[in-house]
Structures are given as structure tokens and as C-alpha cells.
Amino acid sequence: MADRPRLGPAWTRRQVLLAGSAGAALALNACSGPAEKTSVVRPGAPFAQPGVLSSSDGRLEVTLTARAGMVPHGDGTRFAYTYNGTTPGPTLRVRPGDTLVITLVNRLDEPTNLHTHGLHVSPEGDSDNVFVAIEPGQSRTYTYVLPEHHRSSMCWYHPHHHGTVAPQLGGGLYGAIIVEDGIDQLPEIAKRPNGSSCCRTPPLAPIVPCSTCPT
């Protein structure tokens, strides 16, 4: 195949870097102005820890309702998929040997389900079964039996229904599961503040199908 004709003289790497630096300097100069015209970044809402639900006497039973809604964002609100009206959903605290029972209520307009990351539990039946489909308006109860030797860890939960994972997870359906064992009772650890954070860049508009987008 014949070589394509070269359009003008070739630039060296040094010339490209110098040109880029000059362009950046011009852009910064154009964007800067008198001090009185400098924009002020307004602080948003302070970071808030998700609600915490803890096991008692070896058992934790919770209900998670998945629905769309508006949640606080900065000094305003934004669209999100939520568990119990918040994103992230509540933090679940359990211990080795506990039984965690989660009833998932689907108030979305599409199927969903629930999956955990990090828990050493069965992937079958009513446990961590990703092949379950919970249709809109329906609910399902999951039962996770943690082994007695489960290690202390920070795990998490989210939907895992094939075909809807990305928009539902990206829309805000997720939350933390913290497994505490004896090491968490050491004075050096127990006296430190507790907290969990699940961070992401939220969409600023409803997630809707795009009929005009290229496939």
C-alpha cells in the first residue's frame, strides 16, 4: 500500500510540547481577570454517614426498598436510585456466625435483585443468588448465614440483575456491610471513630433509555 501524502512538515515531539505549553498559558491568561470577577465556589452539604443497622443476638433483619427519587446533592438535589430513600443505602453491621435477613422490595419500573461482595455465604437458593429476578412491585427475602470463622471485613451490596446492573448501581443502589470480629474490640481500634464511605460521581439527570442514540 502506498504511503499517505504528508500534510505539511512533521512536528518534532519537542515542538508539540512547546506548542501545548504556550496554548495552555494563553488559555489561563484568557480565563483570568480582575480579582473582583473571580468566581466563588460555594460549599455543598457536609458529608453524612449512611444510617447504620446492627445485629443483635446473632441476627439482623432489614427491609430494603429500591425506588427512584430525589436526594440531597451539594446545595440542591439530584435524581438517584435509592435504598430506603438514601444513597448509599444503610450500612449493615454483623458478626461472624450471624444470620442476615434482607427483604428487598422493588419499587422500580424494571427487574432488580441483590448481590453481596465479600461475604462467605452460599450463592444458591434464598442466599446470594444472582439469578433471581424481582419484578416491579414484588419482593424477595434473602437469608445469609455467616460462618463462625468469617474474617473481619468491609463488604458491600448492590443489584446484580443481568442487563440492569450498570444503570442501577451507577444510579445509587449500593451500601456497605461491615463484619466485625474480635480484632475490632482491641482498645487501639475500638476507641477510634467508626465510619464508612461509598463514593461515586452521580448522574445529574434521570437515567432513561435513549431511543435516538447510535447502537
Protein backbone atom coordinates (compact mmCIF):
# COMPACT_ATOMS: atom_id res chain seq x y z
CA MET A 1 0.00 0.00 0.00
CA ALA A 2 1.35 3.44 -0.96
CA ASP A 3 2.20 5.82 1.83
CA ARG A 4 -0.37 8.52 2.50
CA PRO A 5 0.77 12.04 1.49
CA ARG A 6 2.03 14.04 4.45
CA LEU A 7 0.13 17.26 5.08
CA GLY A 8 2.78 19.87 5.77
CA PRO A 9 6.08 19.48 7.67
CA ALA A 10 6.25 16.99 10.52
CA TRP A 11 6.48 18.35 14.06
CA THR A 12 9.02 17.03 16.49
CA ARG A 13 7.99 15.92 19.98
CA ARG A 14 9.72 19.00 21.40
CA GLN A 15 7.74 21.31 19.13
CA VAL A 16 4.47 19.67 20.13
CA LEU A 17 5.25 20.06 23.85
CA LEU A 18 6.26 23.69 23.42
CA ALA A 19 3.12 24.48 21.43
CA GLY A 20 0.93 22.78 24.04
CA SER A 21 2.57 24.73 26.87
CA ALA A 22 2.08 28.02 25.03
CA GLY A 23 -1.57 27.20 24.36
CA ALA A 24 -2.19 26.35 27.99
CA ALA A 25 -0.61 29.61 29.11
CA LEU A 26 -2.78 31.60 26.69
CA ALA A 27 -5.91 29.81 27.90
CA LEU A 28 -5.11 30.52 31.55
CA ASN A 29 -4.41 34.16 30.76
CA ALA A 30 -7.68 34.50 28.86
CA CYS A 31 -9.64 32.92 31.69
CA SER A 32 -8.15 35.09 34.40
CA GLY A 33 -9.44 38.54 35.14
CA PRO A 34 -9.74 41.11 37.90
CA ALA A 35 -9.94 39.72 41.40
CA GLU A 36 -13.46 41.02 41.88
CA LYS A 37 -14.69 38.84 38.99
CA THR A 38 -13.22 35.59 40.31
CA SER A 39 -15.96 33.01 40.85
CA VAL A 40 -16.52 31.74 44.37
CA VAL A 41 -17.03 28.03 44.95
CA ARG A 42 -19.93 27.57 47.33
CA PRO A 43 -19.61 24.67 49.78
CA GLY A 44 -22.14 21.90 49.42
CA ALA A 45 -23.81 19.83 52.09
CA PRO A 46 -21.41 18.22 54.59
CA PHE A 47 -20.66 14.52 54.14
CA ALA A 48 -23.23 12.45 56.01
CA GLN A 49 -22.66 8.89 57.16
CA PRO A 50 -25.27 6.38 55.97
CA GLY A 51 -27.66 5.07 58.60
CA VAL A 52 -26.37 2.01 60.49
CA LEU A 53 -28.33 -1.17 61.29
CA SER A 54 -26.59 -3.63 63.64
CA SER A 55 -27.25 -7.25 64.51
CA SER A 56 -28.48 -8.29 67.93
CA ASP A 57 -28.36 -11.77 69.47
CA GLY A 58 -26.85 -13.19 66.29
CA ARG A 59 -29.46 -11.84 63.86
CA LEU A 60 -30.15 -8.78 61.74
CA GLU A 61 -33.41 -8.42 59.81
CA VAL A 62 -33.82 -5.45 57.50
CA THR A 63 -36.09 -4.33 54.66
CA LEU A 64 -34.54 -2.50 51.71
CA THR A 65 -36.92 -0.71 49.37
CA ALA A 66 -35.46 0.15 45.96
CA ARG A 67 -37.07 3.18 44.37
CA ALA A 68 -36.22 6.24 42.29
CA GLY A 69 -36.32 9.71 43.81
CA MET A 70 -34.52 12.95 44.52
CA VAL A 71 -31.74 13.11 47.12
CA PRO A 72 -29.63 15.96 48.55
CA HIS A 73 -26.68 16.96 46.38
CA GLY A 74 -24.48 19.94 47.20
CA ASP A 75 -26.84 22.79 47.98
CA GLY A 76 -29.63 21.25 45.90
CA THR A 77 -30.99 17.85 44.91
CA ARG A 78 -30.39 15.27 42.22
CA PHE A 79 -32.05 12.17 40.78
CA ALA A 80 -30.99 8.79 42.17
CA TYR A 81 -31.97 5.20 42.66
CA THR A 82 -32.18 4.67 46.42
CA TYR A 83 -32.43 2.05 49.13
CA ASN A 84 -34.88 3.29 51.79
CA GLY A 85 -34.72 6.77 50.31
CA THR A 86 -30.94 7.25 50.53
CA THR A 87 -27.81 6.59 48.53
CA PRO A 88 -25.74 4.87 49.75
CA GLY A 89 -28.22 2.59 51.45
CA PRO A 90 -27.92 1.80 55.17
CA THR A 91 -24.70 0.28 56.48
CA LEU A 92 -25.29 -3.23 57.87
CA ARG A 93 -23.12 -4.35 60.81
CA VAL A 94 -22.92 -8.06 61.59
CA ARG A 95 -20.58 -10.52 63.31
CA PRO A 96 -19.22 -13.98 62.42
CA GLY A 97 -21.92 -16.62 62.87
CA ASP A 98 -24.77 -14.10 62.47
CA THR A 99 -27.77 -14.57 60.23
CA LEU A 100 -28.52 -11.60 57.99
CA VAL A 101 -32.06 -11.48 56.60
CA ILE A 102 -32.79 -8.86 53.93
CA THR A 103 -36.22 -8.37 52.37
CA LEU A 104 -35.82 -6.48 49.10
CA VAL A 105 -38.91 -4.60 47.90
CA ASN A 106 -38.81 -3.49 44.25
CA ARG A 107 -40.44 -0.10 43.66
CA LEU A 108 -38.53 0.47 40.41
CA ASP A 109 -40.11 0.09 36.98
CA GLU A 110 -37.73 -2.72 35.99
CA PRO A 111 -36.47 -6.01 37.48
CA THR A 112 -33.78 -5.97 40.14
CA ASN A 113 -32.19 -8.28 42.72
CA LEU A 114 -29.47 -8.23 45.39
CA HIS A 115 -25.86 -9.41 45.47
CA THR A 116 -23.13 -9.12 48.11
CA HIS A 117 -19.38 -8.76 47.69
CA GLY A 118 -17.07 -10.20 50.32
CA LEU A 119 -19.46 -12.36 52.34
CA HIS A 120 -18.51 -16.05 52.53
CA VAL A 121 -22.06 -17.31 52.01
CA SER A 122 -23.95 -19.69 49.74
CA PRO A 123 -24.65 -18.50 46.16
CA GLU A 124 -27.78 -20.64 45.89
CA GLY A 125 -31.45 -20.67 46.89
CA ASP A 126 -32.53 -17.72 49.03
CA SER A 127 -28.94 -16.69 49.79
CA ASP A 128 -26.61 -14.77 47.45
CA ASN A 129 -28.34 -15.94 44.27
CA VAL A 130 -27.66 -13.55 41.36
CA PHE A 131 -30.02 -15.44 39.03
CA VAL A 132 -33.11 -14.28 40.90
CA ALA A 133 -35.30 -11.64 39.21
CA ILE A 134 -37.56 -9.48 41.37
CA GLU A 135 -40.15 -7.88 39.13
CA PRO A 136 -41.57 -4.37 39.75
CA GLY A 137 -43.96 -4.38 42.69
CA GLN A 138 -42.63 -7.68 44.04
CA SER A 139 -40.32 -8.54 46.94
CA ARG A 140 -37.99 -11.32 47.98
CA THR A 141 -36.34 -12.31 51.26
CA TYR A 142 -32.65 -13.24 51.25
CA THR A 143 -31.06 -15.15 54.12
CA TYR A 144 -27.28 -15.03 54.55
CA VAL A 145 -25.73 -17.31 57.18
CA LEU A 146 -22.21 -16.13 58.01
CA PRO A 147 -19.75 -18.84 59.05
CA GLU A 148 -18.35 -18.73 62.59
CA HIS A 149 -14.83 -18.17 61.23
CA HIS A 150 -15.75 -15.25 58.95
CA ARG A 151 -12.99 -12.63 58.99
CA SER A 152 -13.45 -9.01 59.92
CA SER A 153 -14.07 -7.13 56.69
CA MET A 154 -15.87 -4.34 54.89
CA CYS A 155 -18.16 -5.80 52.23
CA TRP A 156 -20.95 -4.27 50.18
CA TYR A 157 -24.28 -5.00 48.48
CA HIS A 158 -25.81 -3.93 45.17
CA PRO A 159 -28.14 -5.18 42.37
CA HIS A 160 -26.92 -7.89 40.01
CA HIS A 161 -29.79 -8.47 37.60
CA HIS A 162 -28.40 -9.14 34.12
CA GLY A 163 -28.99 -6.17 31.83
CA THR A 164 -29.72 -3.60 34.54
CA VAL A 165 -26.62 -3.79 36.76
CA ALA A 166 -24.83 -0.71 35.36
CA PRO A 167 -27.71 1.81 35.45
CA GLN A 168 -28.98 0.64 38.84
CA LEU A 169 -25.57 0.53 40.51
CA GLY A 170 -24.49 3.75 38.82
CA GLY A 171 -27.79 5.33 39.80
CA GLY A 172 -27.15 4.82 43.52
CA LEU A 173 -28.17 1.30 44.58
CA TYR A 174 -25.35 0.16 46.85
CA GLY A 175 -24.41 0.04 50.51
CA ALA A 176 -21.82 -1.29 52.96
CA ILE A 177 -21.80 -4.47 55.03
CA ILE A 178 -19.30 -4.46 57.90
CA VAL A 179 -18.33 -7.75 59.53
CA GLU A 180 -16.82 -7.18 62.99
CA ASP A 181 -14.85 -9.79 64.92
CA GLY A 182 -12.60 -9.87 68.00
CA ILE A 183 -9.94 -7.64 66.47
CA ASP A 184 -12.42 -4.76 66.37
CA GLN A 185 -12.65 -4.91 70.18
CA LEU A 186 -8.95 -4.16 70.72
CA PRO A 187 -8.67 -0.88 72.64
CA GLU A 188 -6.49 0.73 69.98
CA ILE A 189 -9.16 0.02 67.34
CA ALA A 190 -12.35 0.29 69.40
CA LYS A 191 -11.56 3.84 70.55
CA ARG A 192 -11.19 5.17 67.01
CA PRO A 193 -14.19 6.78 65.26
CA ASN A 194 -16.26 4.45 63.14
CA GLY A 195 -17.47 5.34 59.68
CA SER A 196 -17.84 4.10 56.16
CA SER A 197 -17.85 5.86 52.83
CA CYS A 198 -19.02 4.74 49.40
CA CYS A 199 -18.14 7.42 46.89
CA ARG A 200 -19.05 7.87 43.25
CA THR A 201 -19.77 10.56 40.67
CA PRO A 202 -23.57 10.81 40.48
CA PRO A 203 -25.62 11.37 37.33
CA LEU A 204 -27.23 14.81 37.35
CA ALA A 205 -30.32 13.80 35.38
CA PRO A 206 -32.72 10.83 35.31
CA ILE A 207 -31.35 7.68 33.73
CA VAL A 208 -33.68 6.99 30.83
CA PRO A 209 -33.39 4.89 27.67
CA CYS A 210 -32.13 6.83 24.67
CA SER A 211 -34.16 5.98 21.54
CA THR A 212 -32.08 8.23 19.29
CA CYS A 213 -28.60 7.14 20.44
CA PRO A 214 -26.49 5.12 17.98
CA THR A 215 -26.27 1.42 18.76
